[in-house]
């Protein structure tokens, strides 16, 4: 995931959080974005550390979040 994609995901995450504050029915959208954010950040960190096992786990986590 590129830095631009993560930035877009962070923005969507923030918007979803604000919407949930107004309408809890949007909580599933927020939860999905929250999981995607965590997985994307884990993938970036694993890539930075050059750790193939951590990267595979992060990619699996990202796939589950989608």
N, C-alpha and C. Protein backbone atom coordinates (compact mmCIF):
# COMPACT_ATOMS: atom_id res chain seq x y z
N UNK A 1 0.86 -1.17 0.00
CA UNK A 1 0.00 0.00 0.00
C UNK A 1 0.91 1.23 0.00
N UNK A 2 0.59 2.19 -0.85
CA UNK A 2 1.41 3.39 -0.96
C UNK A 2 1.04 4.40 0.12
N UNK A 3 1.91 5.37 0.29
CA UNK A 3 1.65 6.43 1.27
C UNK A 3 0.39 7.20 0.91
N UNK A 4 0.15 7.39 -0.38
CA UNK A 4 -1.05 8.10 -0.83
C UNK A 4 -2.31 7.29 -0.49
N UNK A 5 -2.26 6.00 -0.67
CA UNK A 5 -3.41 5.16 -0.33
C UNK A 5 -3.67 5.16 1.17
N UNK A 6 -2.61 5.13 1.96
CA UNK A 6 -2.78 5.17 3.41
C UNK A 6 -3.36 6.52 3.84
N UNK A 7 -2.91 7.59 3.21
CA UNK A 7 -3.44 8.92 3.54
C UNK A 7 -4.94 8.98 3.22
N UNK A 8 -5.34 8.41 2.11
CA UNK A 8 -6.77 8.40 1.76
C UNK A 8 -7.56 7.55 2.75
N UNK A 9 -6.98 6.45 3.16
CA UNK A 9 -7.63 5.57 4.14
C UNK A 9 -7.76 6.27 5.49
N UNK A 10 -6.72 7.01 5.89
CA UNK A 10 -6.78 7.76 7.15
C UNK A 10 -7.88 8.81 7.11
N UNK A 11 -8.01 9.48 5.96
CA UNK A 11 -9.07 10.50 5.82
C UNK A 11 -10.45 9.85 5.90
N UNK A 12 -10.63 8.74 5.21
CA UNK A 12 -11.91 8.03 5.25
C UNK A 12 -12.21 7.54 6.67
N UNK A 13 -11.19 7.10 7.36
CA UNK A 13 -11.32 6.62 8.74
C UNK A 13 -11.81 7.74 9.64
N UNK A 14 -11.22 8.92 9.50
CA UNK A 14 -11.63 10.08 10.29
C UNK A 14 -13.07 10.49 9.98
N UNK A 15 -13.41 10.51 8.71
CA UNK A 15 -14.77 10.87 8.30
C UNK A 15 -15.77 9.87 8.87
N UNK A 16 -15.43 8.58 8.78
CA UNK A 16 -16.33 7.55 9.32
C UNK A 16 -16.50 7.71 10.82
N UNK A 17 -15.43 8.05 11.52
CA UNK A 17 -15.53 8.26 12.98
C UNK A 17 -16.48 9.40 13.29
N UNK A 18 -16.40 10.46 12.52
CA UNK A 18 -17.30 11.60 12.74
C UNK A 18 -18.75 11.22 12.45
N UNK A 19 -18.96 10.42 11.43
CA UNK A 19 -20.32 9.99 11.09
C UNK A 19 -20.88 9.09 12.19
N UNK A 20 -20.05 8.19 12.72
CA UNK A 20 -20.49 7.29 13.80
C UNK A 20 -20.91 8.10 15.02
N UNK A 21 -20.22 9.20 15.28
CA UNK A 21 -20.58 10.05 16.42
C UNK A 21 -22.00 10.61 16.25
N UNK A 22 -22.42 10.79 15.00
CA UNK A 22 -23.77 11.30 14.73
C UNK A 22 -24.79 10.18 14.56
N UNK A 23 -24.34 9.05 14.01
CA UNK A 23 -25.26 7.95 13.72
C UNK A 23 -24.55 6.61 13.92
N UNK A 24 -24.78 5.95 15.03
CA UNK A 24 -24.11 4.67 15.32
C UNK A 24 -24.36 3.58 14.28
N UNK A 25 -25.33 3.76 13.41
CA UNK A 25 -25.59 2.75 12.37
C UNK A 25 -24.41 2.62 11.41
N UNK A 26 -23.55 3.62 11.37
CA UNK A 26 -22.38 3.60 10.49
C UNK A 26 -21.19 2.87 11.12
N UNK A 27 -21.37 2.32 12.29
CA UNK A 27 -20.27 1.66 13.00
C UNK A 27 -19.60 0.54 12.19
N UNK A 28 -20.33 -0.30 11.46
CA UNK A 28 -19.65 -1.34 10.67
C UNK A 28 -18.67 -0.78 9.65
N UNK A 29 -18.99 0.35 9.06
CA UNK A 29 -18.07 0.98 8.10
C UNK A 29 -16.80 1.42 8.83
N UNK A 30 -16.98 2.04 9.99
CA UNK A 30 -15.83 2.48 10.78
C UNK A 30 -14.97 1.29 11.18
N UNK A 31 -15.59 0.20 11.62
CA UNK A 31 -14.84 -0.98 12.05
C UNK A 31 -14.02 -1.56 10.90
N UNK A 32 -14.60 -1.58 9.72
CA UNK A 32 -13.87 -2.10 8.56
C UNK A 32 -12.68 -1.21 8.23
N UNK A 33 -12.90 0.11 8.22
CA UNK A 33 -11.80 1.03 7.95
C UNK A 33 -10.73 0.95 9.03
N UNK A 34 -11.15 0.76 10.26
CA UNK A 34 -10.21 0.64 11.37
C UNK A 34 -9.31 -0.59 11.17
N UNK A 35 -9.91 -1.69 10.78
CA UNK A 35 -9.14 -2.92 10.53
C UNK A 35 -8.20 -2.74 9.33
N UNK A 36 -8.68 -2.09 8.29
CA UNK A 36 -7.84 -1.85 7.11
C UNK A 36 -6.66 -0.95 7.46
N UNK A 37 -6.91 0.07 8.28
CA UNK A 37 -5.83 0.98 8.70
C UNK A 37 -4.76 0.21 9.46
N UNK A 38 -5.16 -0.60 10.41
CA UNK A 38 -4.20 -1.36 11.20
C UNK A 38 -3.38 -2.30 10.32
N UNK A 39 -4.04 -2.95 9.39
CA UNK A 39 -3.35 -3.88 8.50
C UNK A 39 -2.39 -3.15 7.57
N UNK A 40 -2.82 -2.03 7.04
CA UNK A 40 -1.97 -1.26 6.13
C UNK A 40 -0.73 -0.75 6.85
N UNK A 41 -0.91 -0.25 8.06
CA UNK A 41 0.24 0.24 8.82
C UNK A 41 1.18 -0.90 9.19
N UNK A 42 0.63 -2.06 9.50
CA UNK A 42 1.47 -3.23 9.80
C UNK A 42 2.27 -3.66 8.57
N UNK A 43 1.65 -3.58 7.41
CA UNK A 43 2.35 -3.95 6.17
C UNK A 43 3.50 -2.99 5.90
N UNK A 44 3.26 -1.70 6.05
CA UNK A 44 4.30 -0.71 5.83
C UNK A 44 5.47 -0.93 6.79
N UNK A 45 5.16 -1.18 8.05
CA UNK A 45 6.20 -1.41 9.05
C UNK A 45 6.99 -2.69 8.74
N UNK A 46 6.30 -3.75 8.34
CA UNK A 46 6.97 -5.00 8.01
C UNK A 46 7.88 -4.82 6.80
N UNK A 47 7.42 -4.05 5.83
CA UNK A 47 8.24 -3.79 4.65
C UNK A 47 9.48 -2.98 5.05
N UNK A 48 9.29 -2.02 5.95
CA UNK A 48 10.41 -1.19 6.40
C UNK A 48 11.46 -2.04 7.12
N UNK A 49 10.99 -3.01 7.89
CA UNK A 49 11.90 -3.88 8.63
C UNK A 49 12.44 -5.03 7.77
N UNK A 50 11.92 -5.15 6.55
CA UNK A 50 12.30 -6.22 5.64
C UNK A 50 12.07 -7.59 6.28
N UNK A 51 10.88 -7.75 6.86
CA UNK A 51 10.50 -8.98 7.55
C UNK A 51 9.40 -9.68 6.74
N UNK A 52 9.75 -10.71 5.98
CA UNK A 52 8.75 -11.35 5.12
C UNK A 52 7.61 -12.01 5.88
N UNK A 53 7.88 -12.55 7.06
CA UNK A 53 6.81 -13.20 7.83
C UNK A 53 5.82 -12.16 8.33
N UNK A 54 6.33 -11.06 8.87
CA UNK A 54 5.44 -9.99 9.34
C UNK A 54 4.65 -9.40 8.17
N UNK A 55 5.30 -9.28 7.02
CA UNK A 55 4.59 -8.74 5.85
C UNK A 55 3.48 -9.68 5.41
N UNK A 56 3.74 -10.98 5.40
CA UNK A 56 2.71 -11.95 5.03
C UNK A 56 1.54 -11.90 6.00
N UNK A 57 1.84 -11.76 7.29
CA UNK A 57 0.77 -11.64 8.28
C UNK A 57 -0.04 -10.37 8.07
N UNK A 58 0.65 -9.28 7.77
CA UNK A 58 -0.04 -8.01 7.52
C UNK A 58 -0.92 -8.10 6.29
N UNK A 59 -0.42 -8.75 5.24
CA UNK A 59 -1.23 -8.91 4.03
C UNK A 59 -2.45 -9.79 4.30
N UNK A 60 -2.28 -10.82 5.10
CA UNK A 60 -3.42 -11.68 5.47
C UNK A 60 -4.44 -10.88 6.27
N UNK A 61 -3.95 -10.05 7.18
CA UNK A 61 -4.84 -9.20 7.99
C UNK A 61 -5.58 -8.21 7.10
N UNK A 62 -4.88 -7.64 6.12
CA UNK A 62 -5.51 -6.70 5.20
C UNK A 62 -6.57 -7.39 4.36
N UNK A 63 -6.29 -8.61 3.94
CA UNK A 63 -7.25 -9.37 3.14
C UNK A 63 -8.52 -9.67 3.94
N UNK A 64 -8.35 -10.00 5.23
CA UNK A 64 -9.51 -10.27 6.09
C UNK A 64 -10.33 -9.01 6.31
N UNK A 65 -9.66 -7.87 6.36
CA UNK A 65 -10.35 -6.60 6.62
C UNK A 65 -11.17 -6.14 5.42
N UNK A 66 -10.79 -6.58 4.24
CA UNK A 66 -11.48 -6.11 3.02
C UNK A 66 -12.79 -6.81 2.79
